[in-house]
């Protein structure tokens, strides 16, 4: 471990844990569609963060229209979704702020912290994130409530392998995409989640709310990544990630 890299990736690990915790609490009080539509609206905020902190230009007209349509879909969804508790939205807002920070800061760290390979980012992020969980894991083990079977060990092993793979490819994508574009890619995975939710769970939004959800996801998919701002020929620096 190198001190500079630990300092740079510690906020990444903490934001990672914060997003997971707020995500779980959101799903505890709200249905999956509620979480998805707010997740789909995050590019609107992150595109501004891209401009102010990460050296991107503002989105072009087409992208602004898709972001406005995305926001309109979110508002329509909330308006028609009467089956969600207000407390659920409070957790969504907590998750929203942590998630936007997470997306932007990780992009900053990926671009500015030199690693020998992409596995270095996976190593630092997951190792640092696991440290606060050691006391919790120890308490669970000492409680005597955990039963280890071949099936549970297999499931845990597969879960760890998949998590490691997701982490690796996520960092690879973050290296080549803007924070906003990476967020939009994630939104594309949510349509399949909606289909699965309809098949296995009983906490659903209304058909009208689902329509607004699909509008939000469609608009998010049409977003076009904003290019990096050019540094003036005079040599003066532009507002780039060093402002973070």
Protein backbone atom coordinates (compact mmCIF):
# COMPACT_ATOMS: atom_id res chain seq x y z
CA UNK A 1 0.00 0.00 0.00
CA UNK A 2 1.21 3.50 -0.86
CA UNK A 3 0.15 6.38 1.36
CA UNK A 4 -0.76 8.77 -1.46
CA UNK A 5 -2.93 6.15 -3.13
CA UNK A 6 -4.59 5.25 0.16
CA UNK A 7 -5.44 8.91 0.80
CA UNK A 8 -6.79 9.30 -2.75
CA UNK A 9 -8.89 6.11 -2.68
CA UNK A 10 -10.21 6.37 0.89
CA UNK A 11 -13.10 8.68 -0.18
CA UNK A 12 -13.83 6.20 -2.98
CA UNK A 13 -14.17 3.36 -0.47
CA UNK A 14 -16.28 5.38 1.97
CA UNK A 15 -18.60 6.62 -0.78
CA UNK A 16 -18.89 3.04 -2.06
CA UNK A 17 -20.06 1.85 1.36
CA UNK A 18 -22.37 4.84 1.72
CA UNK A 19 -24.04 4.17 -1.62
CA UNK A 20 -24.62 0.51 -0.72
CA UNK A 21 -26.10 1.35 2.68
CA UNK A 22 -28.40 4.07 1.34
CA UNK A 23 -29.35 1.79 -1.55
CA UNK A 24 -30.45 -0.95 0.84
CA UNK A 25 -32.42 1.50 3.01
CA UNK A 26 -34.11 2.92 -0.09
CA UNK A 27 -35.26 -0.54 -1.19
CA UNK A 28 -36.44 -1.22 2.35
CA UNK A 29 -39.01 1.58 2.15
CA UNK A 30 -39.68 1.91 -1.59
CA UNK A 31 -40.20 -0.32 -4.60
CA UNK A 32 -37.51 -1.00 -7.16
CA UNK A 33 -39.04 1.35 -9.77
CA UNK A 34 -38.73 4.30 -7.41
CA UNK A 35 -35.04 3.67 -6.98
CA UNK A 36 -34.48 3.13 -10.69
CA UNK A 37 -36.10 6.35 -11.85
CA UNK A 38 -34.09 8.46 -9.44
CA UNK A 39 -31.00 6.56 -10.50
CA UNK A 40 -31.91 7.45 -14.10
CA UNK A 41 -32.13 11.15 -13.25
CA UNK A 42 -28.59 11.42 -11.84
CA UNK A 43 -26.97 12.30 -15.22
CA UNK A 44 -28.68 15.69 -15.00
CA UNK A 45 -26.66 16.61 -11.91
CA UNK A 46 -23.50 14.74 -12.85
CA UNK A 47 -23.29 16.48 -16.25
CA UNK A 48 -22.99 19.79 -14.39
CA UNK A 49 -20.34 18.31 -12.11
CA UNK A 50 -18.52 17.15 -15.24
CA UNK A 51 -18.44 20.77 -16.41
CA UNK A 52 -17.48 22.47 -13.16
CA UNK A 53 -15.00 19.91 -11.80
CA UNK A 54 -13.91 17.43 -14.47
CA UNK A 55 -13.11 19.61 -17.48
CA UNK A 56 -16.00 18.63 -19.76
CA UNK A 57 -18.05 21.01 -21.89
CA UNK A 58 -21.72 21.48 -21.16
CA UNK A 59 -24.02 19.03 -22.97
CA UNK A 60 -25.22 19.97 -26.45
CA UNK A 61 -28.88 20.78 -27.17
CA UNK A 62 -29.85 17.19 -27.91
CA UNK A 63 -28.36 16.03 -24.63
CA UNK A 64 -30.03 18.84 -22.67
CA UNK A 65 -33.38 17.81 -24.16
CA UNK A 66 -32.83 14.19 -23.18
CA UNK A 67 -31.90 15.25 -19.63
CA UNK A 68 -35.00 17.45 -19.39
CA UNK A 69 -37.10 14.54 -20.67
CA UNK A 70 -35.43 12.30 -18.10
CA UNK A 71 -36.33 14.70 -15.31
CA UNK A 72 -39.91 15.04 -16.62
CA UNK A 73 -40.24 11.27 -16.56
CA UNK A 74 -39.02 11.18 -12.95
CA UNK A 75 -41.54 13.85 -11.93
CA UNK A 76 -44.34 12.00 -13.72
CA UNK A 77 -43.35 8.77 -12.05
CA UNK A 78 -43.37 10.31 -8.58
CA UNK A 79 -46.74 11.95 -9.29
CA UNK A 80 -48.41 8.68 -10.31
CA UNK A 81 -46.62 6.40 -7.82
CA UNK A 82 -48.89 6.59 -4.79
CA UNK A 83 -47.70 3.33 -3.26
CA UNK A 84 -44.36 4.60 -1.96
CA UNK A 85 -43.83 5.98 1.54
CA UNK A 86 -42.37 9.46 2.03
CA UNK A 87 -39.61 7.97 4.16
CA UNK A 88 -38.49 6.06 1.11
CA UNK A 89 -37.92 9.29 -0.77
CA UNK A 90 -35.87 10.65 2.14
CA UNK A 91 -33.50 7.71 1.78
CA UNK A 92 -33.46 8.21 -1.99
CA UNK A 93 -32.26 11.79 -1.47
CA UNK A 94 -29.52 10.60 0.89
CA UNK A 95 -28.46 8.02 -1.67
CA UNK A 96 -28.70 10.60 -4.47
CA UNK A 97 -26.15 12.95 -2.93
CA UNK A 98 -23.69 10.19 -2.03
CA UNK A 99 -24.04 8.59 -5.45
CA UNK A 100 -23.35 11.81 -7.38
CA UNK A 101 -20.23 12.42 -5.28
CA UNK A 102 -19.18 8.81 -5.81
CA UNK A 103 -19.51 8.98 -9.60
CA UNK A 104 -17.58 12.25 -9.90
CA UNK A 105 -14.82 11.59 -7.38
CA UNK A 106 -14.10 8.10 -8.69
CA UNK A 107 -13.67 9.54 -12.19
CA UNK A 108 -11.28 12.12 -10.72
CA UNK A 109 -9.32 9.41 -8.90
CA UNK A 110 -9.16 7.14 -11.96
CA UNK A 111 -7.80 9.97 -14.12
CA UNK A 112 -5.34 11.39 -11.60
CA UNK A 113 -4.02 8.51 -9.46
CA UNK A 114 -1.43 6.55 -11.41
CA UNK A 115 -1.76 2.77 -11.14
CA UNK A 116 0.37 0.05 -12.70
CA UNK A 117 -2.80 -1.71 -13.87
CA UNK A 118 -6.57 -1.57 -13.50
CA UNK A 119 -6.32 -4.26 -10.84
CA UNK A 120 -4.62 -1.69 -8.62
CA UNK A 121 -7.84 0.36 -8.51
CA UNK A 122 -9.86 -2.75 -7.71
CA UNK A 123 -7.39 -3.65 -4.94
CA UNK A 124 -7.34 -0.26 -3.23
CA UNK A 125 -11.09 0.32 -3.45
CA UNK A 126 -12.18 -3.07 -2.15
CA UNK A 127 -9.46 -3.45 0.47
CA UNK A 128 -10.14 -0.03 2.01
CA UNK A 129 -13.91 -0.59 1.86
CA UNK A 130 -13.59 -3.94 3.65
CA UNK A 131 -11.72 -2.56 6.68
CA UNK A 132 -14.75 -0.86 8.34
CA UNK A 133 -16.71 -4.09 7.84
CA UNK A 134 -14.29 -6.29 9.82
CA UNK A 135 -15.94 -5.59 13.23
CA UNK A 136 -19.38 -6.25 11.73
CA UNK A 137 -18.20 -9.54 10.20
CA UNK A 138 -16.60 -10.58 13.48
CA UNK A 139 -19.82 -9.87 15.37
CA UNK A 140 -21.80 -11.94 12.90
CA UNK A 141 -19.38 -14.86 13.21
CA UNK A 142 -19.46 -14.76 17.02
CA UNK A 143 -23.25 -14.63 17.14
CA UNK A 144 -23.43 -18.30 16.21
CA UNK A 145 -26.33 -17.67 13.85
CA UNK A 146 -24.33 -18.28 10.68
CA UNK A 147 -24.47 -21.82 9.29
CA UNK A 148 -21.83 -22.77 6.75
CA UNK A 149 -22.92 -25.28 4.14
CA UNK A 150 -21.56 -26.26 0.76
CA UNK A 151 -24.36 -24.29 -0.86
CA UNK A 152 -23.79 -21.12 1.17
CA UNK A 153 -20.03 -21.24 0.64
CA UNK A 154 -20.54 -21.70 -3.12
CA UNK A 155 -23.00 -18.81 -3.26
CA UNK A 156 -20.62 -16.58 -1.31
CA UNK A 157 -17.68 -17.52 -3.54
CA UNK A 158 -19.63 -16.85 -6.74
CA UNK A 159 -20.84 -13.53 -5.33
CA UNK A 160 -17.27 -12.47 -4.51
CA UNK A 161 -16.04 -13.47 -7.97
CA UNK A 162 -18.85 -11.57 -9.69
CA UNK A 163 -18.27 -8.53 -7.46
CA UNK A 164 -14.58 -8.55 -8.34
CA UNK A 165 -15.39 -8.77 -12.04
CA UNK A 166 -17.93 -5.94 -11.83
CA UNK A 167 -15.38 -3.78 -10.02
CA UNK A 168 -12.71 -4.47 -12.65
CA UNK A 169 -14.87 -3.70 -15.66
CA UNK A 170 -16.46 -0.70 -13.95
CA UNK A 171 -13.06 0.90 -13.41
CA UNK A 172 -12.12 0.05 -17.00
CA UNK A 173 -15.24 1.86 -18.25
CA UNK A 174 -14.65 4.84 -15.97
CA UNK A 175 -11.20 5.26 -17.51
CA UNK A 176 -12.57 5.82 -21.02
CA UNK A 177 -15.97 7.40 -20.30
CA UNK A 178 -17.00 10.63 -18.62
CA UNK A 179 -18.72 10.42 -15.25
CA UNK A 180 -22.04 11.23 -16.92
CA UNK A 181 -21.62 8.71 -19.73
CA UNK A 182 -20.70 5.97 -17.26
CA UNK A 183 -23.83 6.77 -15.25
CA UNK A 184 -25.96 6.56 -18.40
CA UNK A 185 -24.47 3.15 -19.25
CA UNK A 186 -25.56 1.94 -15.84
CA UNK A 187 -29.09 3.16 -16.51
CA UNK A 188 -29.30 0.86 -19.52
CA UNK A 189 -29.13 -2.11 -17.19
CA UNK A 190 -32.23 -0.99 -15.32
CA UNK A 191 -34.75 -1.98 -17.99
CA UNK A 192 -33.91 -5.63 -17.40
CA UNK A 193 -34.33 -5.01 -13.67
CA UNK A 194 -37.85 -3.71 -14.26
CA UNK A 195 -38.73 -6.88 -16.21
CA UNK A 196 -37.33 -9.10 -13.44
CA UNK A 197 -39.18 -7.06 -10.82
CA UNK A 198 -42.48 -7.65 -12.61
CA UNK A 199 -41.84 -11.39 -12.65
CA UNK A 200 -40.76 -12.07 -9.06
CA UNK A 201 -41.98 -9.28 -6.72
CA UNK A 202 -45.42 -8.03 -5.72
CA UNK A 203 -44.53 -4.37 -4.94
CA UNK A 204 -45.13 -2.72 -8.32
CA UNK A 205 -45.84 0.74 -9.58
CA UNK A 206 -48.92 1.44 -11.71
CA UNK A 207 -48.82 1.04 -15.52
CA UNK A 208 -48.81 4.84 -15.87
CA UNK A 209 -45.83 5.08 -13.53
CA UNK A 210 -44.00 2.36 -15.46
CA UNK A 211 -44.57 4.35 -18.67
CA UNK A 212 -42.90 7.39 -17.10
CA UNK A 213 -40.07 5.15 -15.94
CA UNK A 214 -39.47 3.92 -19.49
CA UNK A 215 -39.52 7.51 -20.77
CA UNK A 216 -36.81 8.39 -18.26
CA UNK A 217 -34.68 5.42 -19.25
CA UNK A 218 -35.11 6.13 -22.98
CA UNK A 219 -34.04 9.76 -22.52
CA UNK A 220 -31.05 8.67 -20.46
CA UNK A 221 -30.00 6.25 -23.20
CA UNK A 222 -30.06 9.06 -25.81
CA UNK A 223 -27.60 11.21 -23.87
CA UNK A 224 -24.43 12.04 -25.82
CA UNK A 225 -21.15 12.37 -23.93
CA UNK A 226 -19.80 15.93 -23.75
CA UNK A 227 -16.18 16.31 -24.95
CA UNK A 228 -13.33 17.67 -22.85
CA UNK A 229 -12.81 21.43 -22.96
CA UNK A 230 -9.79 22.53 -24.96
CA UNK A 231 -6.92 24.33 -23.26
CA UNK A 232 -6.44 27.79 -24.82
CA UNK A 233 -3.41 28.17 -27.10
CA UNK A 234 -2.06 30.95 -24.85
CA UNK A 235 -1.22 28.31 -22.29
CA UNK A 236 -3.72 29.34 -19.63
CA UNK A 237 -5.30 26.44 -17.87
CA UNK A 238 -8.94 25.49 -18.14
CA UNK A 239 -11.13 24.52 -15.27
CA UNK A 240 -10.32 20.85 -14.96
CA UNK A 241 -10.33 18.16 -12.31
CA UNK A 242 -7.65 19.94 -10.28
CA UNK A 243 -10.47 22.16 -8.99
CA UNK A 244 -11.78 19.22 -6.98
